Protein backbone atom coordinates (compact mmCIF):
# COMPACT_ATOMS: atom_id res chain seq x y z
CA UNK A 1 48.84 31.32 -143.39
CA UNK A 2 45.46 30.86 -145.03
CA UNK A 3 45.62 27.13 -144.34
CA UNK A 4 45.58 27.85 -140.59
CA UNK A 5 42.32 29.82 -140.73
CA UNK A 6 39.22 27.68 -140.25
CA UNK A 7 36.22 29.25 -141.97
CA UNK A 8 32.69 28.30 -141.01
CA UNK A 9 30.93 26.46 -143.80
CA UNK A 10 27.58 28.25 -144.01
CA UNK A 11 25.22 28.39 -146.97
CA UNK A 12 24.42 31.97 -148.10
CA UNK A 13 20.76 31.66 -147.11
CA UNK A 14 21.79 30.46 -143.66
CA UNK A 15 24.22 33.27 -142.78
CA UNK A 16 21.67 35.50 -141.03
CA UNK A 17 20.22 32.56 -139.10
CA UNK A 18 23.70 31.51 -137.97
CA UNK A 19 24.52 35.09 -136.99
CA UNK A 20 21.49 35.25 -134.71
CA UNK A 21 22.43 31.89 -133.22
CA UNK A 22 25.88 33.26 -132.39
CA UNK A 23 24.34 36.37 -130.82
CA UNK A 24 22.03 34.23 -128.69
CA UNK A 25 24.96 32.03 -127.65
CA UNK A 26 27.09 35.03 -126.67
CA UNK A 27 24.25 36.57 -124.68
CA UNK A 28 24.34 33.43 -122.55
CA UNK A 29 21.97 33.55 -119.60
CA UNK A 30 20.91 37.16 -120.13
CA UNK A 31 17.13 37.34 -119.86
CA UNK A 32 15.42 39.68 -122.31
CA UNK A 33 11.83 40.79 -122.57
CA UNK A 34 10.42 38.48 -125.27
CA UNK A 35 9.04 41.38 -127.33
CA UNK A 36 12.18 43.48 -126.99
CA UNK A 37 14.60 40.62 -127.68
CA UNK A 38 14.22 40.53 -131.50
CA UNK A 39 14.81 44.29 -131.67
CA UNK A 40 17.89 44.22 -129.46
CA UNK A 41 19.31 41.22 -131.32
CA UNK A 42 18.77 42.81 -134.73
CA UNK A 43 20.51 46.00 -133.59
CA UNK A 44 23.42 43.85 -132.43
CA UNK A 45 23.33 41.88 -135.68
CA UNK A 46 23.47 45.08 -137.73
CA UNK A 47 26.36 46.59 -135.79
CA UNK A 48 28.17 43.63 -134.16
CA UNK A 49 27.97 45.81 -131.05
CA UNK A 50 26.68 44.19 -127.89
CA UNK A 51 26.42 47.59 -126.19
CA UNK A 52 22.90 47.78 -127.61
CA UNK A 53 21.94 45.26 -124.98
CA UNK A 54 22.38 48.07 -122.44
CA UNK A 55 21.79 51.13 -124.62
CA UNK A 56 18.40 50.40 -126.16
CA UNK A 57 15.70 51.85 -123.94
CA UNK A 58 11.99 51.19 -124.37
CA UNK A 59 9.07 53.17 -123.02
CA UNK A 60 6.42 51.12 -121.25
CA UNK A 61 4.58 48.83 -123.70
CA UNK A 62 6.52 50.45 -126.55
CA UNK A 63 6.74 47.37 -128.75
CA UNK A 64 3.03 46.64 -128.44
CA UNK A 65 2.22 50.27 -129.29
CA UNK A 66 4.52 50.29 -132.31
CA UNK A 67 2.94 47.04 -133.53
CA UNK A 68 -0.55 48.50 -133.16
CA UNK A 69 0.47 51.63 -135.07
CA UNK A 70 1.95 49.59 -137.91
CA UNK A 71 -1.14 47.38 -138.12
CA UNK A 72 -3.26 50.54 -138.30
CA UNK A 73 -1.36 51.75 -141.36
CA UNK A 74 1.25 54.04 -139.81
CA UNK A 75 3.85 55.47 -142.17
CA UNK A 76 7.52 55.83 -141.25
CA UNK A 77 9.41 59.12 -141.61
CA UNK A 78 13.19 58.88 -141.59
CA UNK A 79 15.96 61.48 -141.61
CA UNK A 80 18.21 59.79 -144.19
CA UNK A 81 17.84 58.13 -147.56
CA UNK A 82 20.02 55.34 -146.19
CA UNK A 83 17.48 54.47 -143.52
CA UNK A 84 14.66 54.70 -146.04
CA UNK A 85 16.51 52.31 -148.34
CA UNK A 86 17.10 49.85 -145.52
CA UNK A 87 13.52 49.60 -144.27
CA UNK A 88 11.54 46.68 -145.69
CA UNK A 89 8.88 48.64 -147.55
CA UNK A 90 7.19 45.49 -148.84
CA UNK A 91 6.45 44.32 -145.29
CA UNK A 92 5.24 47.78 -144.25
CA UNK A 93 2.99 48.01 -147.31
CA UNK A 94 1.11 44.91 -146.14
CA UNK A 95 -0.46 47.15 -143.51
CA UNK A 96 -0.91 50.17 -145.77
CA UNK A 97 2.17 52.09 -144.64
CA UNK A 98 4.84 53.92 -146.63
CA UNK A 99 8.32 55.23 -145.89
CA UNK A 100 9.13 58.93 -146.32
CA UNK A 101 12.36 60.89 -146.28
CA UNK A 102 12.16 64.58 -147.14
CA UNK A 103 15.83 65.42 -146.68
CA UNK A 104 16.56 65.70 -150.42
CA UNK A 105 13.44 67.71 -151.28
CA UNK A 106 14.03 71.13 -152.83
CA UNK A 107 11.42 72.82 -150.65
CA UNK A 108 13.05 71.41 -147.52
CA UNK A 109 16.43 72.80 -148.57
CA UNK A 110 14.85 76.19 -149.28
CA UNK A 111 13.02 76.35 -145.96
CA UNK A 112 16.14 75.31 -144.05
CA UNK A 113 18.14 78.07 -145.77
CA UNK A 114 15.51 80.72 -145.02
CA UNK A 115 15.16 79.64 -141.39
CA UNK A 116 18.87 79.14 -140.84
CA UNK A 117 18.09 75.65 -139.62
CA UNK A 118 19.08 72.17 -140.73
CA UNK A 119 17.31 70.15 -143.40
CA UNK A 120 16.45 67.66 -140.68
CA UNK A 121 14.48 70.35 -138.82
CA UNK A 122 12.69 71.44 -141.99
CA UNK A 123 11.89 67.84 -142.90
CA UNK A 124 10.25 67.25 -139.52
CA UNK A 125 8.12 70.33 -140.09
CA UNK A 126 7.14 69.04 -143.53
CA UNK A 127 6.14 65.73 -141.95
CA UNK A 128 3.56 67.64 -139.88
CA UNK A 129 1.61 68.17 -143.10
CA UNK A 130 1.11 64.44 -143.62
CA UNK A 131 -2.43 63.50 -142.71
CA UNK A 132 -1.43 60.00 -141.66
CA UNK A 133 -0.40 58.18 -138.48
CA UNK A 134 3.38 58.52 -138.25
CA UNK A 135 6.35 56.71 -136.75
CA UNK A 136 9.62 58.64 -136.83
CA UNK A 137 12.87 56.70 -137.25
CA UNK A 138 15.78 59.07 -136.65
CA UNK A 139 19.30 57.67 -137.04
CA UNK A 140 21.44 60.63 -137.99
CA UNK A 141 20.26 64.10 -136.96
CA UNK A 142 19.82 65.06 -133.31
CA UNK A 143 18.29 68.33 -134.55
CA UNK A 144 15.41 66.24 -135.92
CA UNK A 145 14.76 64.83 -132.46
CA UNK A 146 14.94 68.28 -130.85
CA UNK A 147 12.42 69.65 -133.36
CA UNK A 148 10.17 66.64 -132.83
CA UNK A 149 10.24 67.34 -129.10
CA UNK A 150 9.28 70.98 -129.73
CA UNK A 151 6.49 70.10 -132.17
CA UNK A 152 5.04 67.58 -129.73
CA UNK A 153 5.30 70.06 -126.86
CA UNK A 154 3.54 72.71 -128.99
CA UNK A 155 0.74 70.27 -129.80
CA UNK A 156 1.47 70.42 -133.52
CA UNK A 157 2.48 66.78 -133.88
CA UNK A 158 1.15 63.58 -132.35
CA UNK A 159 3.37 60.69 -133.49
CA UNK A 160 2.49 57.06 -132.90
CA UNK A 161 6.10 56.43 -131.91
CA UNK A 162 9.68 57.63 -132.18
CA UNK A 163 12.77 55.54 -132.83
CA UNK A 164 15.55 57.85 -131.63
CA UNK A 165 18.98 56.48 -132.47
CA UNK A 166 21.11 59.28 -133.99
CA UNK A 167 24.86 58.78 -133.78
CA UNK A 168 27.40 61.46 -132.95
CA UNK A 169 28.81 63.86 -130.39
CA UNK A 170 26.98 67.21 -130.49
CA UNK A 171 23.61 67.26 -128.70
CA UNK A 172 23.07 63.57 -129.48
CA UNK A 173 22.76 62.41 -125.87
CA UNK A 174 20.64 65.43 -124.92
CA UNK A 175 18.26 65.08 -127.89
CA UNK A 176 17.57 61.46 -127.03
CA UNK A 177 16.85 62.36 -123.42
CA UNK A 178 14.34 65.00 -124.58
CA UNK A 179 12.39 62.37 -126.52
CA UNK A 180 12.24 60.21 -123.42
CA UNK A 181 10.40 63.06 -121.65
CA UNK A 182 7.53 63.05 -124.14
CA UNK A 183 4.37 60.95 -123.73
CA UNK A 184 5.08 59.33 -127.11
CA UNK A 185 6.09 55.64 -127.24
CA UNK A 186 9.82 55.43 -127.93
CA UNK A 187 12.76 53.17 -128.60
CA UNK A 188 15.94 55.13 -127.89
CA UNK A 189 19.62 54.19 -128.00
CA UNK A 190 20.92 56.16 -125.05
CA UNK A 191 24.38 57.62 -125.39
CA UNK A 192 26.34 58.45 -128.54
CA UNK A 193 25.82 55.26 -130.51
CA UNK A 194 23.26 54.69 -133.23
CA UNK A 195 23.02 55.38 -136.94
CA UNK A 196 20.73 55.09 -139.95
CA UNK A 197 21.45 51.37 -140.13
CA UNK A 198 20.25 50.95 -136.54
CA UNK A 199 17.09 52.98 -137.23
CA UNK A 200 16.29 50.75 -140.22
CA UNK A 201 17.14 47.60 -138.26
CA UNK A 202 14.71 48.51 -135.48
CA UNK A 203 11.95 49.22 -138.00
CA UNK A 204 12.58 45.88 -139.68
CA UNK A 205 12.69 44.03 -136.37
CA UNK A 206 9.24 45.41 -135.54
CA UNK A 207 7.93 44.41 -138.97
CA UNK A 208 9.42 40.91 -138.88
CA UNK A 209 8.15 40.37 -135.35
CA UNK A 210 4.62 41.23 -136.51
CA UNK A 211 4.99 38.93 -139.50
CA UNK A 212 6.10 36.04 -137.31
CA UNK A 213 3.31 36.62 -134.80
CA UNK A 214 0.73 36.41 -137.57
CA UNK A 215 1.96 33.12 -139.03
């Protein structure tokens, strides 16, 4: 049986390049915005899900605004350690930025317990205390997006951008739609799909795009 399976002969260092070639081939004649294309393709590459071609939604001039924020030293706040681990911190550090995730912090757990809220909500509130330009990359908790919406509406938080791609069934669609009502630049995966891996992939796509533009 194994003799009938034809494997592609690809060097390890060429696998990612070949994957993106396959994605481009399968997209065929689909025309993508040149600044959005690397982000959409990396989301597809991460998930093998071409639905991101339709699902990823960008506010006007979002990519340019995210790039500007990163170049000005914006830090990234995530809602999972997985997303934090997946973001290329070395590339972000070139511009003076850091990645934060407060979900495992003892004070966040304590505040969430006292408030009867989720850790994601408490971690967004803790992020308000950072005296730095912030990009939020949310891939797991819709409650984080809802609290971000409230904090923005209350004038307590002024993010440089929000990547809203939580995955799930309860309030996921609604939370994403709330973010799209704010004046904040956003990249949102409409619908139920998303995840921490997608949040990290979008962050990395923005970073790699900047790197390539500066070569």
